[in-house]
Amino acid sequence: MTEAGYIFAETEGKAGAPLVFTFHGTGGNEQQFHRFAGDLVPGAHVISPRGDVSEGGALRYFRRTGEGVYDMDDLARRRTAMADFIGAHKARLGATRVIALGYSNGANIAAAVAFARPDLFTDLALLHPLIPWTPDPAPGLSAARVLISAGERDPICPAPQTKALIAYFEAQGSDITAALHPGGHELRDSEVTALTAFFTPEA
């Protein structure tokens, strides 16, 4: 499907179920986490947009000029476009619980949207994010549940910046869960376990 410039996958959920947006990593596509999200949140409505930037043939959500060096003007434009896309689907479906699940570049665009529009997501699962700037305060994030997972030896997303992002969300008053492992940029079983616990409704 295509809407507002994005090609996306969509799985219809049950009435009143959460709405999950998934955001792939660099080189992935809309299918990378689409089915996985449905497994994590059974019955959910799942929408997975494809990144609309090509970096040597690898799909991304915004441009960069080097590893960890973002084109901030491009990010600002594409963040606004993504926020509009998310807001339109949220309104169309009438969802009250809206979840972002993103990995690497996908985690970065989800976080960037949340900084600017804290009203859009109720839950954020950010896998190996890299936010190489200090976001402005966003008091609206005090209502958000946030999971951040990463590797302590991730060469792409250095641990100090991961921990700075955790501290940022804590300062906003978010309900923050950190799931760090001793590895690198790869996703590990411990992260899947953390995701499952994060999305399992409390009894």
Protein backbone atom coordinates (compact mmCIF):
# COMPACT_ATOMS: atom_id res chain seq x y z
CA MET A 1 0.00 0.00 0.00
CA THR A 2 1.08 3.61 -0.54
CA GLU A 3 -0.03 6.70 1.36
CA ALA A 4 1.52 10.14 1.92
CA GLY A 5 4.64 9.08 0.03
CA TYR A 6 5.21 5.87 1.99
CA ILE A 7 4.88 2.31 0.81
CA PHE A 8 3.72 0.30 3.82
CA ALA A 9 2.50 -3.08 4.98
CA GLU A 10 -0.69 -3.27 7.02
CA THR A 11 -2.33 -6.03 9.02
CA GLU A 12 -5.83 -5.35 10.29
CA GLY A 13 -6.30 -5.93 13.99
CA LYS A 14 -9.22 -6.57 16.27
CA ALA A 15 -11.57 -3.74 17.22
CA GLY A 16 -10.07 -1.70 20.04
CA ALA A 17 -6.68 -3.45 19.80
CA PRO A 18 -3.41 -1.51 20.01
CA LEU A 19 -1.95 0.04 16.88
CA VAL A 20 1.71 -0.85 16.30
CA PHE A 21 4.00 0.97 13.89
CA THR A 22 7.23 -0.83 13.00
CA PHE A 23 10.31 0.89 11.60
CA HIS A 24 13.06 -1.15 9.97
CA GLY A 25 16.81 -0.69 10.19
CA THR A 26 19.06 0.54 7.38
CA GLY A 27 18.84 -1.92 4.51
CA GLY A 28 15.62 -3.47 5.78
CA ASN A 29 12.10 -2.97 4.50
CA GLU A 30 8.52 -2.87 5.71
CA GLN A 31 8.48 -6.63 6.29
CA GLN A 32 11.46 -6.72 8.70
CA PHE A 33 9.41 -6.49 11.90
CA HIS A 34 5.85 -6.55 10.58
CA ARG A 35 4.95 -10.13 11.47
CA PHE A 36 7.09 -10.01 14.61
CA ALA A 37 4.99 -7.11 15.93
CA GLY A 38 1.83 -9.16 15.45
CA ASP A 39 3.42 -11.97 17.45
CA LEU A 40 4.41 -9.58 20.23
CA VAL A 41 0.99 -7.94 20.43
CA PRO A 42 -1.59 -10.53 19.34
CA GLY A 43 -4.61 -9.02 17.64
CA ALA A 44 -2.90 -5.66 17.09
CA HIS A 45 -3.31 -3.51 14.04
CA VAL A 46 0.19 -3.29 12.51
CA ILE A 47 1.43 -0.69 10.05
CA SER A 48 5.01 -0.79 8.76
CA PRO A 49 6.21 2.06 6.53
CA ARG A 50 9.14 1.58 4.18
CA GLY A 51 11.94 4.12 4.42
CA ASP A 52 11.91 6.49 1.46
CA VAL A 53 15.63 7.34 1.39
CA SER A 54 18.14 5.19 -0.49
CA GLU A 55 21.73 5.08 0.72
CA GLY A 56 23.59 3.10 -1.91
CA GLY A 57 20.47 1.00 -2.38
CA ALA A 58 19.88 0.53 1.37
CA LEU A 59 16.56 1.93 2.55
CA ARG A 60 16.53 4.47 5.39
CA TYR A 61 14.12 7.01 6.87
CA PHE A 62 16.40 10.07 6.60
CA ARG A 63 19.74 11.05 5.12
CA ARG A 64 23.11 11.09 6.79
CA THR A 65 26.54 12.34 5.69
CA GLY A 66 28.54 9.69 7.55
CA GLU A 67 28.25 7.04 10.25
CA GLY A 68 26.43 8.73 13.11
CA VAL A 69 26.38 12.11 11.31
CA TYR A 70 22.83 13.09 10.39
CA ASP A 71 21.54 15.59 7.86
CA MET A 72 19.47 17.42 10.46
CA ASP A 73 17.50 19.48 7.94
CA ASP A 74 16.49 16.32 6.10
CA LEU A 75 15.66 14.61 9.39
CA ALA A 76 13.41 17.53 10.37
CA ARG A 77 11.47 17.32 7.09
CA ARG A 78 11.09 13.56 7.17
CA ARG A 79 10.19 13.54 10.86
CA THR A 80 7.30 15.89 10.08
CA ALA A 81 6.16 13.71 7.17
CA MET A 82 6.31 10.59 9.34
CA ALA A 83 4.42 12.29 12.16
CA ASP A 84 1.68 13.25 9.71
CA PHE A 85 1.54 9.65 8.41
CA ILE A 86 1.27 8.25 11.94
CA GLY A 87 -1.28 10.82 13.03
CA ALA A 88 -3.49 10.13 10.02
CA HIS A 89 -3.58 6.38 10.68
CA LYS A 90 -4.10 6.90 14.40
CA ALA A 91 -7.12 9.10 13.65
CA ARG A 92 -8.45 6.74 10.99
CA LEU A 93 -8.37 3.76 13.33
CA GLY A 94 -9.32 5.61 16.51
CA ALA A 95 -6.47 3.91 18.38
CA THR A 96 -5.86 4.87 21.99
CA ARG A 97 -2.75 2.74 22.53
CA VAL A 98 -0.17 3.45 19.83
CA ILE A 99 3.16 1.65 19.90
CA ALA A 100 6.39 2.34 18.02
CA LEU A 101 8.79 -0.56 17.46
CA GLY A 102 11.99 0.48 15.70
CA TYR A 103 15.48 -0.86 15.19
CA SER A 104 18.58 1.27 14.53
CA ASN A 105 17.60 3.87 11.90
CA GLY A 106 13.97 2.90 12.54
CA ALA A 107 14.41 3.54 16.26
CA ASN A 108 15.92 6.93 15.43
CA ILE A 109 13.00 8.13 13.30
CA ALA A 110 10.51 6.87 15.92
CA ALA A 111 12.38 8.72 18.67
CA ALA A 112 12.64 11.89 16.57
CA VAL A 113 8.88 11.82 15.99
CA ALA A 114 8.24 11.29 19.71
CA PHE A 115 10.46 14.24 20.68
CA ALA A 116 8.47 16.54 18.40
CA ARG A 117 5.03 14.95 18.84
CA PRO A 118 4.90 13.24 22.25
CA ASP A 119 1.12 12.91 21.84
CA LEU A 120 1.41 10.30 19.07
CA PHE A 121 2.83 7.27 20.89
CA THR A 122 1.88 5.71 24.21
CA ASP A 123 4.69 3.13 24.05
CA LEU A 124 8.14 3.24 22.42
CA ALA A 125 10.36 0.19 21.91
CA LEU A 126 13.68 1.55 20.63
CA LEU A 127 16.20 -1.12 19.66
CA HIS A 128 19.77 0.16 19.27
CA PRO A 129 18.90 3.85 18.83
CA LEU A 130 21.50 6.52 18.15
CA ILE A 131 20.50 10.09 18.96
CA PRO A 132 23.70 12.17 18.53
CA TRP A 133 22.13 15.42 19.69
CA THR A 134 20.45 16.62 22.90
CA PRO A 135 16.69 16.72 22.31
CA ASP A 136 14.67 19.61 23.68
CA PRO A 137 12.60 18.84 26.77
CA ALA A 138 9.28 17.17 25.96
CA PRO A 139 7.11 17.08 29.10
CA GLY A 140 4.43 15.19 27.16
CA LEU A 141 6.68 12.13 27.25
CA SER A 142 5.92 11.76 30.95
CA ALA A 143 2.96 9.61 29.92
CA ALA A 144 5.04 7.31 27.70
CA ARG A 145 6.33 3.82 28.39
CA VAL A 146 9.77 3.40 26.83
CA LEU A 147 11.98 0.37 26.30
CA ILE A 148 15.54 0.95 25.10
CA SER A 149 17.70 -2.04 24.23
CA ALA A 150 21.28 -2.00 23.00
CA GLY A 151 24.68 -3.64 23.09
CA GLU A 152 27.33 -2.35 25.48
CA ARG A 153 29.92 -2.78 22.71
CA ASP A 154 27.82 -1.56 19.80
CA PRO A 155 30.24 0.17 17.35
CA ILE A 156 27.36 1.97 15.60
CA CYS A 157 25.43 3.11 18.68
CA PRO A 158 28.03 3.79 21.40
CA ALA A 159 26.96 2.90 24.94
CA PRO A 160 27.49 6.44 26.35
CA GLN A 161 24.96 7.84 23.88
CA THR A 162 22.51 5.04 24.63
CA LYS A 163 22.79 5.84 28.32
CA ALA A 164 22.36 9.56 27.62
CA LEU A 165 19.11 8.78 25.80
CA ILE A 166 17.92 6.68 28.73
CA ALA A 167 18.72 9.60 31.04
CA TYR A 168 16.81 11.96 28.73
CA PHE A 169 13.63 9.89 28.91
CA GLU A 170 14.02 9.56 32.68
CA ALA A 171 14.28 13.35 32.91
CA GLN A 172 11.00 13.68 30.98
CA GLY A 173 9.30 11.42 33.52
CA SER A 174 8.82 8.49 31.12
CA ASP A 175 8.33 4.97 32.45
CA ILE A 176 11.69 3.70 31.17
CA THR A 177 13.00 0.14 30.87
CA ALA A 178 16.60 -0.48 29.77
CA ALA A 179 17.72 -3.84 28.36
CA LEU A 180 21.46 -3.77 27.67
CA HIS A 181 23.53 -6.78 26.67
CA PRO A 182 27.32 -7.19 26.38
CA GLY A 183 27.33 -7.51 22.58
CA GLY A 184 27.24 -5.20 19.60
CA HIS A 185 24.65 -4.04 17.08
CA GLU A 186 23.02 -7.44 16.67
CA LEU A 187 19.64 -8.24 18.17
CA ARG A 188 19.89 -10.87 20.87
CA ASP A 189 17.45 -13.26 22.52
CA SER A 190 17.59 -11.17 25.69
CA GLU A 191 16.09 -8.26 23.74
CA VAL A 192 13.24 -10.41 22.47
CA THR A 193 12.62 -11.46 26.07
CA ALA A 194 12.61 -7.81 27.15
CA LEU A 195 10.21 -6.91 24.33
CA THR A 196 7.85 -9.73 25.24
CA ALA A 197 7.77 -8.61 28.87
CA PHE A 198 7.31 -4.98 27.83
CA PHE A 199 4.29 -5.76 25.69
CA THR A 200 2.67 -8.37 27.95
CA PRO A 201 -0.32 -6.75 29.68
CA GLU A 202 -0.15 -6.70 33.44
CA ALA A 203 -2.48 -9.16 35.13
